[in-house]
Protein backbone atom coordinates (compact mmCIF):
# COMPACT_ATOMS: atom_id res chain seq x y z
CA MET A 1 0.22 0.03 -0.06
CA GLN A 2 1.51 3.14 -0.67
CA LYS A 3 2.46 5.60 1.89
CA GLY A 4 1.73 9.40 2.88
CA PHE A 5 3.62 11.78 5.36
CA ARG A 6 1.85 14.77 6.52
CA TYR A 7 4.81 17.81 8.42
CA THR A 8 3.32 19.99 10.24
CA SER A 9 2.96 21.67 13.61
CA GLN A 10 2.88 19.01 16.62
CA LYS A 11 -0.64 19.85 17.22
CA HIS A 12 -2.28 19.50 14.52
CA ASN A 13 -0.49 16.16 14.11
CA ASP A 14 -2.14 15.58 17.33
CA ALA A 15 -5.05 16.45 16.45
CA LEU A 16 -5.25 13.88 13.94
CA LEU A 17 -4.56 10.84 15.59
CA ALA A 18 -6.68 11.90 18.53
CA LEU A 19 -10.14 12.95 16.71
CA GLY A 20 -9.30 11.89 13.64
CA ASN A 21 -9.16 16.08 12.62
CA VAL A 22 -8.24 17.28 9.10
CA ARG A 23 -8.30 19.86 7.13
CA ILE A 24 -9.37 20.32 3.29
CA GLY A 25 -8.31 23.68 1.44
CA THR A 26 -9.58 24.52 -1.93
CA LEU A 27 -7.22 25.10 -4.43
CA HIS A 28 -7.92 28.78 -4.75
CA ASP A 29 -7.40 28.94 -1.26
CA PHE A 30 -3.71 28.06 -1.19
CA ARG A 31 -3.27 31.58 -3.73
CA ARG A 32 -3.22 33.33 -0.72
CA THR A 33 0.00 34.87 0.07
CA GLU A 34 -1.06 34.09 4.05
CA HIS A 35 0.30 31.14 4.01
CA LYS A 36 3.11 29.57 4.70
CA TRP A 37 5.96 29.77 3.09
CA GLY A 38 5.52 25.75 1.48
CA ILE A 39 2.09 26.33 1.15
CA ALA A 40 1.15 29.38 -0.69
CA ASP A 41 1.66 29.68 -4.54
CA SER A 42 -0.16 32.55 -6.40
CA ASN A 43 -0.65 30.30 -9.56
CA GLU A 44 -2.10 27.57 -7.91
CA GLY A 45 -4.64 25.72 -10.67
CA THR A 46 -3.40 28.09 -13.90
CA LYS A 47 -1.65 27.30 -17.12
CA THR A 48 -0.48 27.65 -20.28
CA VAL A 49 -0.76 26.23 -23.44
CA SER A 50 0.52 27.06 -26.64
CA HIS A 51 1.56 26.17 -30.23
CA PHE A 52 3.51 28.76 -32.81
CA ILE A 53 2.94 27.10 -36.94
CA PRO A 54 5.61 28.29 -38.80
CA HIS A 55 3.85 27.43 -42.04
CA VAL A 56 0.55 25.12 -43.12
CA THR A 57 -1.37 24.72 -45.93
CA ASP A 58 -4.70 23.17 -45.85
CA LYS A 59 -2.81 20.34 -48.05
CA HIS A 60 -0.55 19.24 -45.25
CA GLU A 61 -3.19 16.45 -44.56
CA GLY A 62 -1.96 15.30 -40.87
CA SER A 63 0.00 17.63 -39.99
CA ILE A 64 0.25 18.48 -35.92
CA HIS A 65 0.24 21.60 -37.02
CA LEU A 66 -3.65 21.51 -38.68
CA LYS A 67 -4.40 19.23 -35.20
CA ALA A 68 -3.64 22.22 -33.24
CA ILE A 69 -5.32 24.48 -34.97
CA LYS A 70 -8.68 21.76 -34.25
CA GLN A 71 -8.03 21.79 -30.73
CA PHE A 72 -6.94 24.68 -30.39
CA ASN A 73 -10.58 25.81 -31.82
CA ALA A 74 -8.64 28.68 -33.54
CA ILE A 75 -10.36 28.57 -37.13
CA ASP A 76 -12.52 26.22 -38.73
CA ILE A 77 -10.88 25.31 -42.33
CA SER A 78 -13.06 22.52 -43.04
CA GLY A 79 -14.24 22.42 -46.54
CA ALA A 80 -11.54 25.37 -47.41
CA THR A 81 -9.21 25.10 -50.16
CA ASN A 82 -5.81 27.48 -51.31
CA VAL A 83 -5.44 28.28 -47.16
CA THR A 84 -1.80 29.08 -46.50
CA ILE A 85 -1.35 30.01 -42.42
CA SER A 86 2.17 31.05 -41.88
CA ASN A 87 3.80 32.81 -38.30
CA VAL A 88 0.42 32.28 -35.88
CA GLU A 89 0.49 30.83 -32.24
CA LEU A 90 -2.25 29.40 -30.81
CA VAL A 91 -2.67 30.11 -26.86
CA GLN A 92 -5.17 28.08 -24.83
CA ARG A 93 -5.48 29.90 -20.59
CA PHE A 94 -6.75 27.49 -17.97
CA ASN A 95 -7.44 28.70 -15.03
CA HIS A 96 -9.35 25.83 -13.22
CA PRO A 97 -12.51 25.80 -10.45
CA ASP A 98 -12.52 25.87 -7.45
CA CYS A 99 -11.77 22.56 -5.78
CA PHE A 100 -10.97 20.69 -2.26
CA VAL A 101 -7.94 19.60 -2.19
CA HIS A 102 -6.23 17.84 0.77
CA CYS A 103 -2.08 16.77 0.28
CA LEU A 104 0.86 14.83 1.77
CA SER A 105 4.50 14.19 0.87
CA ALA A 106 5.19 10.76 -0.46
CA SER A 107 8.21 11.17 1.03
CA PHE A 108 9.68 10.69 4.56
CA SER A 109 12.91 12.68 5.00
CA THR A 110 14.22 15.87 6.73
CA GLU A 111 14.79 17.72 3.20
CA VAL A 112 11.09 17.59 2.75
CA LEU A 113 10.12 18.65 6.54
CA GLN A 114 12.43 21.76 6.24
CA GLN A 115 10.64 22.76 2.81
CA PHE A 116 7.15 23.75 5.73
CA GLU A 117 7.33 26.63 7.46
CA GLY A 118 6.64 26.32 11.07
CA ALA A 119 6.67 21.94 10.47
CA ASP A 120 7.90 20.23 13.66
CA SER A 121 5.98 16.77 13.70
CA CYS A 122 5.14 13.87 11.32
CA ALA A 123 2.61 11.75 10.87
CA GLU A 124 2.39 8.44 8.48
CA ILE A 125 -0.75 7.64 6.45
CA HIS A 126 0.27 4.15 6.07
CA ASP A 127 -3.05 3.24 3.88
CA LEU A 128 -3.53 6.23 1.10
CA GLN A 129 -6.53 4.78 -0.54
CA GLY A 130 -8.57 3.67 2.78
CA PHE A 131 -7.38 6.98 4.00
CA TYR A 132 -9.05 9.12 1.10
CA GLN A 133 -11.49 6.47 0.29
CA ARG A 134 -12.80 7.42 4.28
CA LEU A 135 -12.52 10.81 3.82
CA THR A 136 -14.29 11.11 0.84
CA GLU A 137 -17.64 9.58 1.64
CA THR A 138 -16.92 11.72 4.87
CA LEU A 139 -16.79 15.37 3.24
CA ASN A 140 -19.68 14.11 1.32
CA LEU A 141 -21.63 14.22 4.43
CA HIS A 142 -20.99 18.12 4.33
CA TRP A 143 -20.64 18.90 0.69
CA PRO A 144 -21.50 16.78 -2.47
CA VAL A 145 -18.22 15.70 -3.90
CA ARG A 146 -16.54 13.52 -6.94
CA LEU A 147 -12.62 12.13 -6.01
CA LEU A 148 -11.30 13.31 -9.26
CA SER A 149 -8.05 12.46 -8.65
CA ILE A 150 -5.40 11.01 -5.63
CA SER A 151 -1.29 11.70 -7.82
CA LYS A 152 1.84 13.08 -7.78
CA VAL A 153 2.15 16.90 -8.34
CA PHE A 154 4.13 17.66 -11.17
CA TYR A 155 7.16 20.23 -10.57
CA MET A 156 6.96 22.59 -14.09
CA ARG A 157 6.72 25.25 -15.88
CA ARG A 158 3.10 26.98 -16.38
CA GLU A 159 3.48 27.25 -20.08
CA GLU A 160 3.21 23.70 -21.92
CA ASN A 161 4.13 23.63 -25.57
CA TRP A 162 1.09 21.69 -26.98
CA ASN A 163 2.20 17.52 -26.75
CA GLY A 164 0.03 17.32 -30.18
CA ARG A 165 -2.26 14.96 -28.54
CA ASP A 166 -4.31 16.35 -25.25
CA TRP A 167 -4.35 19.40 -22.77
CA GLY A 168 -1.45 18.01 -20.95
CA VAL A 169 -0.76 17.63 -17.25
CA HIS A 170 -4.19 18.56 -15.29
CA PRO A 171 -3.44 22.18 -14.59
CA ALA A 172 -4.75 21.54 -10.34
CA LEU A 173 -1.33 18.91 -9.76
CA ILE A 174 1.04 21.43 -11.15
CA LYS A 175 3.37 23.01 -9.23
CA GLU A 176 6.67 25.48 -9.33
CA ALA A 177 10.04 23.66 -9.76
CA LYS A 178 10.92 25.28 -6.49
CA PHE A 179 8.58 23.29 -4.69
CA SER A 180 9.98 19.89 -5.64
CA ARG A 181 11.67 19.13 -3.06
CA GLN A 182 7.96 18.94 -1.13
CA VAL A 183 6.93 15.07 -3.43
CA GLU A 184 3.36 16.03 -3.17
CA ILE A 185 0.59 13.74 -3.54
CA ARG A 186 -2.43 15.85 -4.37
CA ALA A 187 -6.20 14.82 -3.36
CA ILE A 188 -8.46 16.97 -5.22
CA TRP A 189 -12.06 16.25 -5.16
CA GLN A 190 -14.43 18.59 -7.98
CA PRO A 191 -18.10 20.10 -6.05
CA ARG A 192 -21.09 18.68 -7.49
CA ILE A 193 -22.66 22.07 -6.96
CA ALA A 194 -21.44 25.17 -8.40
CA ALA A 195 -21.38 27.44 -5.20
CA HIS A 196 -18.36 29.19 -3.57
CA ILE A 197 -16.24 26.65 -1.28
CA SER A 198 -14.12 27.07 1.27
CA PRO A 199 -11.59 25.22 3.41
CA ILE A 200 -13.18 22.83 5.50
CA ILE A 201 -12.14 20.67 9.02
CA LEU A 202 -13.37 17.69 9.55
CA ASN A 203 -13.50 15.44 12.64
CA ASP A 204 -13.67 11.66 11.86
CA ILE A 205 -12.07 9.33 14.40
CA GLU A 206 -12.65 6.76 11.71
CA LEU A 207 -9.46 7.86 10.18
CA VAL A 208 -7.19 7.50 12.65
CA ARG A 209 -7.22 4.31 12.11
CA PHE A 210 -4.49 4.44 8.57
CA CYS A 211 -2.01 7.05 10.74
CA SER A 212 -0.02 6.71 13.04
CA ALA A 213 3.04 8.66 14.78
CA ARG A 214 6.96 8.90 12.78
CA GLU A 215 9.57 10.00 14.49
CA LEU A 216 11.52 13.22 13.13
CA PRO A 217 13.76 11.67 10.38
CA GLY A 218 16.43 13.47 11.09
CA PRO A 219 17.48 17.09 12.73
CA ILE A 220 16.47 20.05 12.18
CA SER A 221 18.62 22.45 10.81
CA HIS A 222 18.27 26.20 9.82
CA PHE A 223 15.17 26.85 8.15
CA ASP A 224 16.22 26.47 4.05
CA ARG A 225 13.91 27.80 1.79
């Protein structure tokens, strides 16, 4: 079973281990600069995909450039003849709707611990699938949701070149390279109701059976950004 690790203050991990206390954030809430370093990211849920067309005509059947024109819904050249397109850049911007998010790390290490300002304890979730299945059931008692993903985060630029097939990495699973040492696992829930959402704190004693306290992975050095 895949494991996850929660690095935070001792009082927050004590609440998880005693009461099943969990704070589920939202994608847009992570954009707030008031959050501690390691959590705040003003660009959460956004990205841009682009494709440059140096030259293409309607006769270039199967060309990646013609595929891009269709994918980006740029112009409709179906049925047209003698069409030439040159020096055009297609751009698609994404700003993902707000959704519920919960984050852990896939790595047990001092390096990860030092990525979270104020963290002085570690809790291990030894069955991620079971933990998030139960958390999904509990969250649904408060807000109807659908679990979209439990995935590792991709640390990359938010400007992608089109891959020739689809829109690439989900914008809610992208973080900038400066956060890469967190080795984040992210659960994402899409609300079933179109309404404003905000972070929610849950207490579910059944979550405790998936968790245990861990000794810190090593001595804490100075806070390293």
